[in-house]
Amino acid sequence: MQLTVPPDLESLINKRLSTGDYASAEEVLRSALEAQDAELSMTDEERQAISAHIEEGYLQAERGKLIEQPVAPASSLTA
């Protein structure tokens, strides 16, 4: 399959490639499509559970109940 992408998408793909996290445009597209597929396949219950956990963590942080842990490198948060 051959794809032609508009300049704005090509720029996004090149931006991801420049991070060194991807070896090819195909890997960038695969990762994006897999993430979209995972998001679309989530049930309402799963979304609600994630939201509840985020809210719980936010409220704990407001009360000062934080867990000291090493900070993860930013590159490990994107993938």
N, C-alpha and C. Protein backbone atom coordinates (compact mmCIF):
# COMPACT_ATOMS: atom_id res chain seq x y z
N MET A 1 0.85 -1.17 0.00
CA MET A 1 0.00 0.00 0.00
C MET A 1 0.90 1.24 0.00
N GLN A 2 0.59 2.15 -0.84
CA GLN A 2 1.30 3.43 -0.90
C GLN A 2 0.38 4.50 -0.33
N LEU A 3 0.92 5.39 0.50
CA LEU A 3 0.14 6.48 1.06
C LEU A 3 0.77 7.81 0.69
N THR A 4 -0.09 8.76 0.40
CA THR A 4 0.37 10.13 0.22
C THR A 4 -0.22 10.92 1.36
N VAL A 5 0.64 11.59 2.12
CA VAL A 5 0.17 12.35 3.27
C VAL A 5 0.38 13.83 3.02
N PRO A 6 -0.52 14.64 3.54
CA PRO A 6 -0.36 16.08 3.38
C PRO A 6 0.85 16.58 4.18
N PRO A 7 1.34 17.74 3.83
CA PRO A 7 2.55 18.27 4.49
C PRO A 7 2.46 18.34 6.01
N ASP A 8 1.29 18.66 6.56
CA ASP A 8 1.20 18.77 8.02
C ASP A 8 1.40 17.41 8.70
N LEU A 9 0.88 16.34 8.08
CA LEU A 9 1.10 15.00 8.65
C LEU A 9 2.54 14.54 8.45
N GLU A 10 3.10 14.87 7.32
CA GLU A 10 4.50 14.53 7.08
C GLU A 10 5.39 15.21 8.12
N SER A 11 5.06 16.43 8.45
CA SER A 11 5.81 17.16 9.47
C SER A 11 5.71 16.47 10.83
N LEU A 12 4.50 16.01 11.19
CA LEU A 12 4.31 15.30 12.46
C LEU A 12 5.10 13.99 12.48
N ILE A 13 5.07 13.28 11.38
CA ILE A 13 5.82 12.02 11.29
C ILE A 13 7.31 12.29 11.45
N ASN A 14 7.80 13.31 10.75
CA ASN A 14 9.22 13.65 10.84
C ASN A 14 9.60 14.10 12.25
N LYS A 15 8.69 14.79 12.92
CA LYS A 15 8.93 15.21 14.30
C LYS A 15 9.13 13.99 15.19
N ARG A 16 8.26 12.97 15.02
CA ARG A 16 8.40 11.75 15.81
C ARG A 16 9.70 11.01 15.47
N LEU A 17 10.03 10.97 14.19
CA LEU A 17 11.26 10.30 13.77
C LEU A 17 12.49 10.98 14.36
N SER A 18 12.45 12.30 14.48
CA SER A 18 13.61 13.05 14.97
C SER A 18 13.90 12.77 16.45
N THR A 19 12.92 12.20 17.17
CA THR A 19 13.16 11.88 18.58
C THR A 19 14.06 10.67 18.73
N GLY A 20 14.15 9.87 17.68
CA GLY A 20 14.93 8.64 17.75
C GLY A 20 14.16 7.46 18.30
N ASP A 21 12.91 7.70 18.68
CA ASP A 21 12.09 6.62 19.23
C ASP A 21 11.55 5.68 18.16
N TYR A 22 11.59 6.12 16.92
CA TYR A 22 11.05 5.33 15.80
C TYR A 22 12.11 5.22 14.72
N ALA A 23 12.16 4.05 14.09
CA ALA A 23 13.15 3.81 13.05
C ALA A 23 12.61 4.13 11.66
N SER A 24 11.28 4.23 11.54
CA SER A 24 10.70 4.47 10.22
C SER A 24 9.33 5.13 10.35
N ALA A 25 8.88 5.69 9.23
CA ALA A 25 7.54 6.28 9.18
C ALA A 25 6.49 5.21 9.46
N GLU A 26 6.75 3.99 9.01
CA GLU A 26 5.81 2.90 9.25
C GLU A 26 5.63 2.65 10.75
N GLU A 27 6.73 2.72 11.51
CA GLU A 27 6.63 2.53 12.96
C GLU A 27 5.81 3.64 13.61
N VAL A 28 5.99 4.86 13.14
CA VAL A 28 5.23 5.99 13.67
C VAL A 28 3.74 5.76 13.42
N LEU A 29 3.40 5.40 12.20
CA LEU A 29 1.99 5.19 11.86
C LEU A 29 1.42 3.99 12.62
N ARG A 30 2.19 2.91 12.74
CA ARG A 30 1.72 1.73 13.48
C ARG A 30 1.42 2.09 14.94
N SER A 31 2.33 2.82 15.56
CA SER A 31 2.14 3.22 16.95
C SER A 31 0.90 4.08 17.11
N ALA A 32 0.73 5.03 16.22
CA ALA A 32 -0.44 5.92 16.29
C ALA A 32 -1.74 5.15 16.11
N LEU A 33 -1.77 4.24 15.14
CA LEU A 33 -2.98 3.47 14.90
C LEU A 33 -3.28 2.49 16.03
N GLU A 34 -2.23 1.90 16.61
CA GLU A 34 -2.45 1.00 17.74
C GLU A 34 -2.98 1.76 18.95
N ALA A 35 -2.46 2.96 19.19
CA ALA A 35 -2.95 3.77 20.30
C ALA A 35 -4.41 4.17 20.07
N GLN A 36 -4.72 4.55 18.85
CA GLN A 36 -6.11 4.92 18.53
C GLN A 36 -7.03 3.71 18.68
N ASP A 37 -6.58 2.55 18.24
CA ASP A 37 -7.39 1.33 18.36
C ASP A 37 -7.65 1.00 19.82
N ALA A 38 -6.62 1.13 20.66
CA ALA A 38 -6.79 0.84 22.09
C ALA A 38 -7.78 1.82 22.71
N GLU A 39 -7.68 3.09 22.34
CA GLU A 39 -8.59 4.09 22.88
C GLU A 39 -10.03 3.83 22.45
N LEU A 40 -10.21 3.49 21.19
CA LEU A 40 -11.56 3.25 20.68
C LEU A 40 -12.18 1.98 21.23
N SER A 41 -11.34 1.02 21.66
CA SER A 41 -11.88 -0.24 22.15
C SER A 41 -12.17 -0.22 23.66
N MET A 42 -11.82 0.90 24.32
CA MET A 42 -12.10 1.00 25.76
C MET A 42 -13.61 1.09 26.00
N THR A 43 -14.04 0.41 27.04
CA THR A 43 -15.45 0.48 27.41
C THR A 43 -15.70 1.72 28.27
N ASP A 44 -16.96 2.08 28.41
CA ASP A 44 -17.30 3.20 29.28
C ASP A 44 -16.86 2.94 30.71
N GLU A 45 -16.97 1.68 31.15
CA GLU A 45 -16.57 1.32 32.50
C GLU A 45 -15.06 1.53 32.68
N GLU A 46 -14.28 1.17 31.68
CA GLU A 46 -12.83 1.36 31.76
C GLU A 46 -12.49 2.86 31.82
N ARG A 47 -13.16 3.66 31.01
CA ARG A 47 -12.94 5.11 31.03
C ARG A 47 -13.30 5.69 32.40
N GLN A 48 -14.42 5.23 32.94
CA GLN A 48 -14.84 5.72 34.26
C GLN A 48 -13.84 5.32 35.34
N ALA A 49 -13.31 4.11 35.26
CA ALA A 49 -12.33 3.64 36.25
C ALA A 49 -11.06 4.47 36.18
N ILE A 50 -10.59 4.76 34.98
CA ILE A 50 -9.39 5.59 34.81
C ILE A 50 -9.65 6.98 35.36
N SER A 51 -10.79 7.56 35.04
CA SER A 51 -11.13 8.89 35.56
C SER A 51 -11.18 8.90 37.08
N ALA A 52 -11.73 7.85 37.66
CA ALA A 52 -11.81 7.76 39.12
C ALA A 52 -10.41 7.71 39.74
N HIS A 53 -9.51 6.95 39.14
CA HIS A 53 -8.14 6.86 39.65
C HIS A 53 -7.43 8.21 39.54
N ILE A 54 -7.63 8.89 38.43
CA ILE A 54 -7.02 10.21 38.26
C ILE A 54 -7.56 11.18 39.31
N GLU A 55 -8.86 11.17 39.51
CA GLU A 55 -9.47 12.05 40.51
C GLU A 55 -8.95 11.73 41.91
N GLU A 56 -8.84 10.44 42.23
CA GLU A 56 -8.31 10.03 43.53
C GLU A 56 -6.89 10.55 43.72
N GLY A 57 -6.06 10.40 42.70
CA GLY A 57 -4.68 10.89 42.79
C GLY A 57 -4.62 12.40 42.93
N TYR A 58 -5.47 13.08 42.22
CA TYR A 58 -5.51 14.55 42.31
C TYR A 58 -5.89 14.99 43.72
N LEU A 59 -6.90 14.35 44.28
CA LEU A 59 -7.34 14.72 45.63
C LEU A 59 -6.25 14.40 46.67
N GLN A 60 -5.55 13.28 46.49
CA GLN A 60 -4.46 12.94 47.39
C GLN A 60 -3.35 13.98 47.29
N ALA A 61 -3.04 14.41 46.09
CA ALA A 61 -2.00 15.42 45.90
C ALA A 61 -2.40 16.74 46.56
N GLU A 62 -3.67 17.09 46.46
CA GLU A 62 -4.14 18.32 47.11
C GLU A 62 -3.97 18.25 48.62
N ARG A 63 -4.12 17.03 49.18
CA ARG A 63 -3.96 16.84 50.63
C ARG A 63 -2.49 16.69 51.02
N GLY A 64 -1.60 16.70 50.02
CA GLY A 64 -0.17 16.56 50.29
C GLY A 64 0.29 15.13 50.44
N LYS A 65 -0.55 14.18 50.09
CA LYS A 65 -0.19 12.77 50.21
C LYS A 65 0.41 12.30 48.89
N LEU A 66 1.70 12.61 48.74
CA LEU A 66 2.41 12.24 47.53
C LEU A 66 3.41 11.14 47.84
N ILE A 67 3.73 10.36 46.86
CA ILE A 67 4.72 9.29 46.99
C ILE A 67 5.99 9.76 46.31
N GLU A 68 7.09 9.76 47.06
CA GLU A 68 8.37 10.15 46.49
C GLU A 68 8.88 9.04 45.60
N GLN A 69 9.06 9.35 44.33
CA GLN A 69 9.62 8.40 43.37
C GLN A 69 10.51 9.16 42.41
N PRO A 70 11.48 8.44 41.83
CA PRO A 70 12.32 9.11 40.84
C PRO A 70 11.46 9.57 39.66
N VAL A 71 11.85 10.65 39.06
CA VAL A 71 11.12 11.19 37.92
C VAL A 71 11.51 10.38 36.68
N ALA A 72 10.50 9.94 35.94
CA ALA A 72 10.76 9.20 34.72
C ALA A 72 11.20 10.16 33.63
N PRO A 73 12.14 9.74 32.77
CA PRO A 73 12.52 10.61 31.66
C PRO A 73 11.32 10.87 30.75
N ALA A 74 11.24 12.04 30.21
CA ALA A 74 10.11 12.42 29.35
C ALA A 74 9.94 11.44 28.19
N SER A 75 11.03 10.90 27.67
CA SER A 75 10.94 9.99 26.53
C SER A 75 10.18 8.70 26.89
N SER A 76 10.18 8.32 28.17
CA SER A 76 9.46 7.11 28.56
C SER A 76 7.96 7.35 28.68
N LEU A 77 7.56 8.61 28.68
CA LEU A 77 6.14 8.93 28.80
C LEU A 77 5.46 9.01 27.45
N THR A 78 6.22 9.01 26.37
CA THR A 78 5.65 9.07 25.04
C THR A 78 5.97 7.79 24.31
N ALA A 79 4.97 7.10 23.91
CA ALA A 79 5.17 5.90 23.14
C ALA A 79 3.86 5.27 22.86
